[in-house]
Amino acid sequence: MSGQVTQVVRKYPELASDSEGRSLQTELDMFLTLPAVKNGSPYLGTCSQALRNVDPTMRAMFPHVEALIRLLIVVYPASSATAELSFSSLR
């Protein structure tokens, strides 16, 4: 997974304080051990809900994860028009 984190950090350097993305990797490892994420599946919705529900002091421990989730929410479409297109083509 660290190879993937390194690629993400190259594209979005604001996500890590070091060039290898070690701080982001460490935060991700800690974040994935939270009960809200560990018990569910690590999807974007689950992760953003877990970050939203966590105590503000604990949330401050994950600044890079929070930035990554915000980027993914902006980049990842909220809904898919594919389903709407296929539904309207059935008419």
PDB file of N, CA and C in Angstrom:
ATOM      1  N   MET A   1       0.816  -1.180   0.000  1.00  0.00           N
ATOM      2  CA  MET A   1       0.000   0.000   0.000  1.00  0.00           C
ATOM      3  C   MET A   1       0.866   1.254   0.000  1.00  0.00           C
ATOM      4  N   SER A   2       2.080   1.183   0.511  1.00  0.00           N
ATOM      5  CA  SER A   2       2.921   2.378   0.565  1.00  0.00           C
ATOM      6  C   SER A   2       3.279   2.872  -0.831  1.00  0.00           C
ATOM      7  N   GLY A   3       3.337   1.975  -1.816  1.00  0.00           N
ATOM      8  CA  GLY A   3       3.578   2.401  -3.185  1.00  0.00           C
ATOM      9  C   GLY A   3       2.434   3.246  -3.706  1.00  0.00           C
ATOM     10  N   GLN A   4       1.213   2.855  -3.370  1.00  0.00           N
ATOM     11  CA  GLN A   4       0.040   3.624  -3.768  1.00  0.00           C
ATOM     12  C   GLN A   4       0.020   4.977  -3.077  1.00  0.00           C
ATOM     13  N   VAL A   5       0.389   5.014  -1.800  1.00  0.00           N
ATOM     14  CA  VAL A   5       0.430   6.274  -1.063  1.00  0.00           C
ATOM     15  C   VAL A   5       1.472   7.195  -1.666  1.00  0.00           C
ATOM     16  N   THR A   6       2.611   6.649  -2.058  1.00  0.00           N
ATOM     17  CA  THR A   6       3.663   7.457  -2.681  1.00  0.00           C
ATOM     18  C   THR A   6       3.168   8.077  -3.978  1.00  0.00           C
ATOM     19  N   GLN A   7       2.409   7.319  -4.775  1.00  0.00           N
ATOM     20  CA  GLN A   7       1.858   7.861  -6.018  1.00  0.00           C
ATOM     21  C   GLN A   7       0.855   8.967  -5.741  1.00  0.00           C
ATOM     22  N   VAL A   8       0.028   8.796  -4.729  1.00  0.00           N
ATOM     23  CA  VAL A   8      -0.953   9.819  -4.374  1.00  0.00           C
ATOM     24  C   VAL A   8      -0.242  11.081  -3.903  1.00  0.00           C
ATOM     25  N   VAL A   9       0.808  10.910  -3.108  1.00  0.00           N
ATOM     26  CA  VAL A   9       1.547  12.060  -2.586  1.00  0.00           C
ATOM     27  C   VAL A   9       2.253  12.799  -3.715  1.00  0.00           C
ATOM     28  N   ARG A  10       2.693  12.086  -4.729  1.00  0.00           N
ATOM     29  CA  ARG A  10       3.315  12.770  -5.874  1.00  0.00           C
ATOM     30  C   ARG A  10       2.304  13.646  -6.594  1.00  0.00           C
ATOM     31  N   LYS A  11       1.067  13.169  -6.726  1.00  0.00           N
ATOM     32  CA  LYS A  11       0.039  13.955  -7.407  1.00  0.00           C
ATOM     33  C   LYS A  11      -0.494  15.081  -6.525  1.00  0.00           C
ATOM     34  N   TYR A  12      -0.593  14.818  -5.231  1.00  0.00           N
ATOM     35  CA  TYR A  12      -1.137  15.796  -4.280  1.00  0.00           C
ATOM     36  C   TYR A  12      -0.134  15.993  -3.143  1.00  0.00           C
ATOM     37  N   PRO A  13       0.911  16.798  -3.359  1.00  0.00           N
ATOM     38  CA  PRO A  13       1.958  16.952  -2.339  1.00  0.00           C
ATOM     39  C   PRO A  13       1.478  17.577  -1.034  1.00  0.00           C
ATOM     40  N   GLU A  14       0.331  18.224  -1.040  1.00  0.00           N
ATOM     41  CA  GLU A  14      -0.180  18.833   0.188  1.00  0.00           C
ATOM     42  C   GLU A  14      -0.669  17.799   1.197  1.00  0.00           C
ATOM     43  N   LEU A  15      -0.748  16.532   0.788  1.00  0.00           N
ATOM     44  CA  LEU A  15      -1.223  15.480   1.682  1.00  0.00           C
ATOM     45  C   LEU A  15      -0.156  14.948   2.621  1.00  0.00           C
ATOM     46  N   ALA A  16       1.083  15.243   2.394  1.00  0.00           N
ATOM     47  CA  ALA A  16       2.133  14.679   3.238  1.00  0.00           C
ATOM     48  C   ALA A  16       3.182  15.721   3.566  1.00  0.00           C
ATOM     49  N   SER A  17       3.734  15.571   4.744  1.00  0.00           N
ATOM     50  CA  SER A  17       4.782  16.490   5.144  1.00  0.00           C
ATOM     51  C   SER A  17       6.157  15.997   4.701  1.00  0.00           C
ATOM     52  N   ASP A  18       6.247  14.748   4.284  1.00  0.00           N
ATOM     53  CA  ASP A  18       7.503  14.235   3.736  1.00  0.00           C
ATOM     54  C   ASP A  18       7.266  13.729   2.321  1.00  0.00           C
ATOM     55  N   SER A  19       8.315  13.598   1.565  1.00  0.00           N
ATOM     56  CA  SER A  19       8.184  13.266   0.142  1.00  0.00           C
ATOM     57  C   SER A  19       7.733  11.830  -0.104  1.00  0.00           C
ATOM     58  N   GLU A  20       7.930  10.940   0.865  1.00  0.00           N
ATOM     59  CA  GLU A  20       7.535   9.550   0.680  1.00  0.00           C
ATOM     60  C   GLU A  20       6.108   9.270   1.129  1.00  0.00           C
ATOM     61  N   GLY A  21       5.513  10.207   1.819  1.00  0.00           N
ATOM     62  CA  GLY A  21       4.156   9.996   2.297  1.00  0.00           C
ATOM     63  C   GLY A  21       4.079   9.146   3.540  1.00  0.00           C
ATOM     64  N   ARG A  22       5.174   9.092   4.307  1.00  0.00           N
ATOM     65  CA  ARG A  22       5.164   8.267   5.510  1.00  0.00           C
ATOM     66  C   ARG A  22       4.169   8.762   6.543  1.00  0.00           C
ATOM     67  N   SER A  23       4.005  10.091   6.657  1.00  0.00           N
ATOM     68  CA  SER A  23       3.045  10.603   7.638  1.00  0.00           C
ATOM     69  C   SER A  23       1.620  10.235   7.218  1.00  0.00           C
ATOM     70  N   LEU A  24       1.326  10.315   5.934  1.00  0.00           N
ATOM     71  CA  LEU A  24       0.007   9.910   5.449  1.00  0.00           C
ATOM     72  C   LEU A  24      -0.202   8.421   5.673  1.00  0.00           C
ATOM     73  N   GLN A  25       0.791   7.606   5.404  1.00  0.00           N
ATOM     74  CA  GLN A  25       0.681   6.162   5.607  1.00  0.00           C
ATOM     75  C   GLN A  25       0.438   5.847   7.077  1.00  0.00           C
ATOM     76  N   THR A  26       1.153   6.529   7.970  1.00  0.00           N
ATOM     77  CA  THR A  26       0.976   6.310   9.401  1.00  0.00           C
ATOM     78  C   THR A  26      -0.428   6.698   9.837  1.00  0.00           C
ATOM     79  N   GLU A  27      -0.902   7.848   9.354  1.00  0.00           N
ATOM     80  CA  GLU A  27      -2.259   8.281   9.684  1.00  0.00           C
ATOM     81  C   GLU A  27      -3.296   7.300   9.148  1.00  0.00           C
ATOM     82  N   LEU A  28      -3.110   6.818   7.935  1.00  0.00           N
ATOM     83  CA  LEU A  28      -4.055   5.846   7.367  1.00  0.00           C
ATOM     84  C   LEU A  28      -4.080   4.557   8.180  1.00  0.00           C
ATOM     85  N   ASP A  29      -2.897   4.088   8.592  1.00  0.00           N
ATOM     86  CA  ASP A  29      -2.835   2.872   9.404  1.00  0.00           C
ATOM     87  C   ASP A  29      -3.581   3.060  10.724  1.00  0.00           C
ATOM     88  N   MET A  30      -3.397   4.215  11.360  1.00  0.00           N
ATOM     89  CA  MET A  30      -4.089   4.488  12.622  1.00  0.00           C
ATOM     90  C   MET A  30      -5.588   4.676  12.382  1.00  0.00           C
ATOM     91  N   PHE A  31      -5.947   5.376  11.310  1.00  0.00           N
ATOM     92  CA  PHE A  31      -7.350   5.652  11.007  1.00  0.00           C
ATOM     93  C   PHE A  31      -8.128   4.368  10.747  1.00  0.00           C
ATOM     94  N   LEU A  32      -7.509   3.427  10.068  1.00  0.00           N
ATOM     95  CA  LEU A  32      -8.191   2.171   9.737  1.00  0.00           C
ATOM     96  C   LEU A  32      -8.400   1.270  10.945  1.00  0.00           C
ATOM     97  N   THR A  33      -7.786   1.618  12.094  1.00  0.00           N
ATOM     98  CA  THR A  33      -8.016   0.843  13.316  1.00  0.00           C
ATOM     99  C   THR A  33      -9.161   1.413  14.153  1.00  0.00           C
ATOM    100  N   LEU A  34      -9.715   2.561  13.750  1.00  0.00           N
ATOM    101  CA  LEU A  34     -10.865   3.115  14.470  1.00  0.00           C
ATOM    102  C   LEU A  34     -12.033   2.139  14.368  1.00  0.00           C
ATOM    103  N   PRO A  35     -12.786   1.954  15.451  1.00  0.00           N
ATOM    104  CA  PRO A  35     -13.892   0.987  15.425  1.00  0.00           C
ATOM    105  C   PRO A  35     -14.920   1.258  14.332  1.00  0.00           C
ATOM    106  N   ALA A  36     -15.229   2.515  14.061  1.00  0.00           N
ATOM    107  CA  ALA A  36     -16.232   2.841  13.042  1.00  0.00           C
ATOM    108  C   ALA A  36     -15.793   2.423  11.649  1.00  0.00           C
ATOM    109  N   VAL A  37     -14.496   2.450  11.397  1.00  0.00           N
ATOM    110  CA  VAL A  37     -13.973   2.062  10.085  1.00  0.00           C
ATOM    111  C   VAL A  37     -13.658   0.576  10.064  1.00  0.00           C
ATOM    112  N   LYS A  38     -13.134   0.071  11.163  1.00  0.00           N
ATOM    113  CA  LYS A  38     -12.719  -1.328  11.247  1.00  0.00           C
ATOM    114  C   LYS A  38     -13.916  -2.273  11.133  1.00  0.00           C
ATOM    115  N   ASN A  39     -15.045  -1.912  11.753  1.00  0.00           N
ATOM    116  CA  ASN A  39     -16.223  -2.779  11.726  1.00  0.00           C
ATOM    117  C   ASN A  39     -16.959  -2.714  10.396  1.00  0.00           C
ATOM    118  N   GLY A  40     -16.892  -1.569   9.741  1.00  0.00           N
ATOM    119  CA  GLY A  40     -17.532  -1.428   8.438  1.00  0.00           C
ATOM    120  C   GLY A  40     -16.529  -1.685   7.326  1.00  0.00           C
ATOM    121  N   SER A  41     -16.897  -1.319   6.147  1.00  0.00           N
ATOM    122  CA  SER A  41     -15.971  -1.446   5.032  1.00  0.00           C
ATOM    123  C   SER A  41     -15.350  -0.079   4.765  1.00  0.00           C
ATOM    124  N   PRO A  42     -14.089  -0.042   4.349  1.00  0.00           N
ATOM    125  CA  PRO A  42     -13.390   1.243   4.203  1.00  0.00           C
ATOM    126  C   PRO A  42     -13.763   1.994   2.927  1.00  0.00           C
ATOM    127  N   TYR A  43     -15.046   2.254   2.747  1.00  0.00           N
ATOM    128  CA  TYR A  43     -15.497   3.046   1.612  1.00  0.00           C
ATOM    129  C   TYR A  43     -15.460   4.521   1.981  1.00  0.00           C
ATOM    130  N   LEU A  44     -15.556   5.364   0.989  1.00  0.00           N
ATOM    131  CA  LEU A  44     -15.477   6.805   1.203  1.00  0.00           C
ATOM    132  C   LEU A  44     -16.560   7.287   2.165  1.00  0.00           C
ATOM    133  N   GLY A  45     -17.775   6.809   1.996  1.00  0.00           N
ATOM    134  CA  GLY A  45     -18.867   7.217   2.881  1.00  0.00           C
ATOM    135  C   GLY A  45     -18.627   6.799   4.321  1.00  0.00           C
ATOM    136  N   THR A  46     -18.155   5.571   4.515  1.00  0.00           N
ATOM    137  CA  THR A  46     -17.866   5.072   5.855  1.00  0.00           C
ATOM    138  C   THR A  46     -16.752   5.882   6.507  1.00  0.00           C
ATOM    139  N   CYS A  47     -15.698   6.159   5.740  1.00  0.00           N
ATOM    140  CA  CYS A  47     -14.566   6.904   6.275  1.00  0.00           C
ATOM    141  C   CYS A  47     -14.931   8.341   6.602  1.00  0.00           C
ATOM    142  N   SER A  48     -15.696   8.994   5.739  1.00  0.00           N
ATOM    143  CA  SER A  48     -16.075  10.378   6.013  1.00  0.00           C
ATOM    144  C   SER A  48     -17.024  10.450   7.203  1.00  0.00           C
ATOM    145  N   GLN A  49     -17.921   9.490   7.336  1.00  0.00           N
ATOM    146  CA  GLN A  49     -18.824   9.448   8.487  1.00  0.00           C
ATOM    147  C   GLN A  49     -18.039   9.195   9.770  1.00  0.00           C
ATOM    148  N   ALA A  50     -17.071   8.298   9.728  1.00  0.00           N
ATOM    149  CA  ALA A  50     -16.254   8.016  10.912  1.00  0.00           C
ATOM    150  C   ALA A  50     -15.459   9.243  11.325  1.00  0.00           C
ATOM    151  N   LEU A  51     -14.908   9.954  10.372  1.00  0.00           N
ATOM    152  CA  LEU A  51     -14.143  11.162  10.679  1.00  0.00           C
ATOM    153  C   LEU A  51     -15.056  12.253  11.219  1.00  0.00           C
ATOM    154  N   ARG A  52     -16.254  12.334  10.703  1.00  0.00           N
ATOM    155  CA  ARG A  52     -17.214  13.337  11.166  1.00  0.00           C
ATOM    156  C   ARG A  52     -17.658  13.052  12.596  1.00  0.00           C
ATOM    157  N   ASN A  53     -17.787  11.779  12.961  1.00  0.00           N
ATOM    158  CA  ASN A  53     -18.308  11.399  14.276  1.00  0.00           C
ATOM    159  C   ASN A  53     -17.244  11.316  15.366  1.00  0.00           C
ATOM    160  N   VAL A  54     -15.989  11.346  14.994  1.00  0.00           N
ATOM    161  CA  VAL A  54     -14.929  11.197  15.987  1.00  0.00           C
ATOM    162  C   VAL A  54     -14.753  12.515  16.763  1.00  0.00           C
ATOM    163  N   ASP A  55     -14.262  12.407  17.969  1.00  0.00           N
ATOM    164  CA  ASP A  55     -14.015  13.563  18.826  1.00  0.00           C
ATOM    165  C   ASP A  55     -13.059  14.546  18.135  1.00  0.00           C
ATOM    166  N   PRO A  56     -13.291  15.852  18.260  1.00  0.00           N
ATOM    167  CA  PRO A  56     -12.427  16.840  17.572  1.00  0.00           C
ATOM    168  C   PRO A  56     -10.939  16.733  17.916  1.00  0.00           C
ATOM    169  N   THR A  57     -10.622  16.359  19.157  1.00  0.00           N
ATOM    170  CA  THR A  57      -9.203  16.204  19.495  1.00  0.00           C
ATOM    171  C   THR A  57      -8.589  15.014  18.787  1.00  0.00           C
ATOM    172  N   MET A  58      -9.354  13.949  18.639  1.00  0.00           N
ATOM    173  CA  MET A  58      -8.838  12.795  17.903  1.00  0.00           C
ATOM    174  C   MET A  58      -8.797  13.100  16.407  1.00  0.00           C
ATOM    175  N   ARG A  59      -9.760  13.876  15.944  1.00  0.00           N
ATOM    176  CA  ARG A  59      -9.803  14.255  14.527  1.00  0.00           C
ATOM    177  C   ARG A  59      -8.554  15.046  14.132  1.00  0.00           C
ATOM    178  N   ALA A  60      -8.018  15.811  15.074  1.00  0.00           N
ATOM    179  CA  ALA A  60      -6.803  16.590  14.818  1.00  0.00           C
ATOM    180  C   ALA A  60      -5.589  15.694  14.588  1.00  0.00           C
ATOM    181  N   MET A  61      -5.689  14.425  14.957  1.00  0.00           N
ATOM    182  CA  MET A  61      -4.587  13.490  14.731  1.00  0.00           C
ATOM    183  C   MET A  61      -4.503  13.042  13.273  1.00  0.00           C
ATOM    184  N   PHE A  62      -5.546  13.317  12.488  1.00  0.00           N
ATOM    185  CA  PHE A  62      -5.617  12.834  11.113  1.00  0.00           C
ATOM    186  C   PHE A  62      -5.763  13.973  10.093  1.00  0.00           C
ATOM    187  N   PRO A  63      -4.876  14.975  10.099  1.00  0.00           N
ATOM    188  CA  PRO A  63      -5.055  16.084   9.154  1.00  0.00           C
ATOM    189  C   PRO A  63      -4.880  15.674   7.699  1.00  0.00           C
ATOM    190  N   HIS A  64      -3.961  14.755   7.427  1.00  0.00           N
ATOM    191  CA  HIS A  64      -3.729  14.320   6.052  1.00  0.00           C
ATOM    192  C   HIS A  64      -4.859  13.416   5.558  1.00  0.00           C
ATOM    193  N   VAL A  65      -5.380  12.583   6.445  1.00  0.00           N
ATOM    194  CA  VAL A  65      -6.506  11.724   6.085  1.00  0.00           C
ATOM    195  C   VAL A  65      -7.735  12.588   5.813  1.00  0.00           C
ATOM    196  N   GLU A  66      -7.935  13.606   6.626  1.00  0.00           N
ATOM    197  CA  GLU A  66      -9.064  14.509   6.406  1.00  0.00           C
ATOM    198  C   GLU A  66      -8.935  15.224   5.062  1.00  0.00           C
ATOM    199  N   ALA A  67      -7.727  15.672   4.738  1.00  0.00           N
ATOM    200  CA  ALA A  67      -7.506  16.333   3.444  1.00  0.00           C
ATOM    201  C   ALA A  67      -7.743  15.361   2.293  1.00  0.00           C
ATOM    202  N   LEU A  68      -7.312  14.109   2.456  1.00  0.00           N
ATOM    203  CA  LEU A  68      -7.523  13.096   1.423  1.00  0.00           C
ATOM    204  C   LEU A  68      -9.012  12.819   1.222  1.00  0.00           C
ATOM    205  N   ILE A  69      -9.753  12.704   2.316  1.00  0.00           N
ATOM    206  CA  ILE A  69     -11.189  12.462   2.214  1.00  0.00           C
ATOM    207  C   ILE A  69     -11.878  13.636   1.539  1.00  0.00           C
ATOM    208  N   ARG A  70     -11.478  14.851   1.890  1.00  0.00           N
ATOM    209  CA  ARG A  70     -12.067  16.031   1.247  1.00  0.00           C
ATOM    210  C   ARG A  70     -11.775  16.045  -0.254  1.00  0.00           C
ATOM    211  N   LEU A  71     -10.547  15.698  -0.628  1.00  0.00           N
ATOM    212  CA  LEU A  71     -10.203  15.633  -2.052  1.00  0.00           C
ATOM    213  C   LEU A  71     -11.036  14.581  -2.770  1.00  0.00           C
ATOM    214  N   LEU A  72     -11.188  13.418  -2.149  1.00  0.00           N
ATOM    215  CA  LEU A  72     -11.960  12.349  -2.780  1.00  0.00           C
ATOM    216  C   LEU A  72     -13.426  12.708  -2.914  1.00  0.00           C
ATOM    217  N   ILE A  73     -13.965  13.417  -1.931  1.00  0.00           N
ATOM    218  CA  ILE A  73     -15.370  13.829  -2.014  1.00  0.00           C
ATOM    219  C   ILE A  73     -15.564  14.794  -3.178  1.00  0.00           C
ATOM    220  N   VAL A  74     -14.590  15.666  -3.391  1.00  0.00           N
ATOM    221  CA  VAL A  74     -14.701  16.636  -4.482  1.00  0.00           C
ATOM    222  C   VAL A  74     -14.496  15.955  -5.831  1.00  0.00           C
ATOM    223  N   VAL A  75     -13.524  15.060  -5.898  1.00  0.00           N
ATOM    224  CA  VAL A  75     -13.176  14.422  -7.170  1.00  0.00           C
ATOM    225  C   VAL A  75     -14.163  13.322  -7.531  1.00  0.00           C
ATOM    226  N   TYR A  76     -14.560  12.535  -6.558  1.00  0.00           N
ATOM    227  CA  TYR A  76     -15.448  11.401  -6.789  1.00  0.00           C
ATOM    228  C   TYR A  76     -16.881  11.913  -6.938  1.00  0.00           C
ATOM    229  N   PRO A  77     -17.573  11.551  -7.988  1.00  0.00           N
ATOM    230  CA  PRO A  77     -18.931  12.071  -8.187  1.00  0.00           C
ATOM    231  C   PRO A  77     -19.881  11.579  -7.089  1.00  0.00           C
ATOM    232  N   ALA A  78     -20.764  12.464  -6.650  1.00  0.00           N
ATOM    233  CA  ALA A  78     -21.713  12.121  -5.594  1.00  0.00           C
ATOM    234  C   ALA A  78     -22.752  11.119  -6.076  1.00  0.00           C
ATOM    235  N   SER A  79     -23.150  11.222  -7.314  1.00  0.00           N
ATOM    236  CA  SER A  79     -24.089  10.248  -7.868  1.00  0.00           C
ATOM    237  C   SER A  79     -23.655   9.910  -9.285  1.00  0.00           C
ATOM    238  N   SER A  80     -24.139   8.805  -9.720  1.00  0.00           N
ATOM    239  CA  SER A  80     -23.759   8.354 -11.049  1.00  0.00           C
ATOM    240  C   SER A  80     -24.893   8.608 -12.032  1.00  0.00           C
ATOM    241  N   ALA A  81     -24.569   9.251 -13.110  1.00  0.00           N
ATOM    242  CA  ALA A  81     -25.580   9.516 -14.136  1.00  0.00           C
ATOM    243  C   ALA A  81     -25.820   8.288 -15.002  1.00  0.00           C
ATOM    244  N   THR A  82     -24.960   7.285 -14.890  1.00  0.00           N
ATOM    245  CA  THR A  82     -25.104   6.078 -15.698  1.00  0.00           C
ATOM    246  C   THR A  82     -26.432   5.391 -15.419  1.00  0.00           C
ATOM    247  N   ALA A  83     -26.786   5.280 -14.140  1.00  0.00           N
ATOM    248  CA  ALA A  83     -28.049   4.633 -13.790  1.00  0.00           C
ATOM    249  C   ALA A  83     -29.229   5.428 -14.337  1.00  0.00           C
ATOM    250  N   GLU A  84     -29.135   6.747 -14.261  1.00  0.00           N
ATOM    251  CA  GLU A  84     -30.225   7.581 -14.782  1.00  0.00           C
ATOM    252  C   GLU A  84     -30.341   7.441 -16.293  1.00  0.00           C
ATOM    253  N   LEU A  85     -29.208   7.380 -16.984  1.00  0.00           N
ATOM    254  CA  LEU A  85     -29.239   7.234 -18.436  1.00  0.00           C
ATOM    255  C   LEU A  85     -29.844   5.897 -18.844  1.00  0.00           C
ATOM    256  N   SER A  86     -29.460   4.840 -18.161  1.00  0.00           N
ATOM    257  CA  SER A  86     -30.002   3.521 -18.523  1.00  0.00           C
ATOM    258  C   SER A  86     -31.491   3.445 -18.187  1.00  0.00           C
ATOM    259  N   PHE A  87     -31.916   4.097 -17.114  1.00  0.00           N
ATOM    260  CA  PHE A  87     -33.323   4.100 -16.764  1.00  0.00           C
ATOM    261  C   PHE A  87     -34.148   4.867 -17.794  1.00  0.00           C
ATOM    262  N   SER A  88     -33.642   6.041 -18.241  1.00  0.00           N
ATOM    263  CA  SER A  88     -34.404   6.804 -19.216  1.00  0.00           C
ATOM    264  C   SER A  88     -34.380   6.153 -20.596  1.00  0.00           C
ATOM    265  N   SER A  89     -33.377   5.338 -20.876  1.00  0.00           N
ATOM    266  CA  SER A  89     -33.368   4.646 -22.167  1.00  0.00           C
ATOM    267  C   SER A  89     -34.378   3.503 -22.183  1.00  0.00           C
ATOM    268  N   LEU A  90     -34.781   3.026 -21.005  1.00  0.00           N
ATOM    269  CA  LEU A  90     -35.800   1.978 -20.938  1.00  0.00           C
ATOM    270  C   LEU A  90     -37.169   2.491 -21.343  1.00  0.00           C
ATOM    271  N   ARG A  91     -37.380   3.791 -21.159  1.00  0.00           N
ATOM    272  CA  ARG A  91     -38.665   4.374 -21.544  1.00  0.00           C
ATOM    273  C   ARG A  91     -38.769   4.322 -23.023  1.00  0.00           C
TER     274      ARG A  91
END
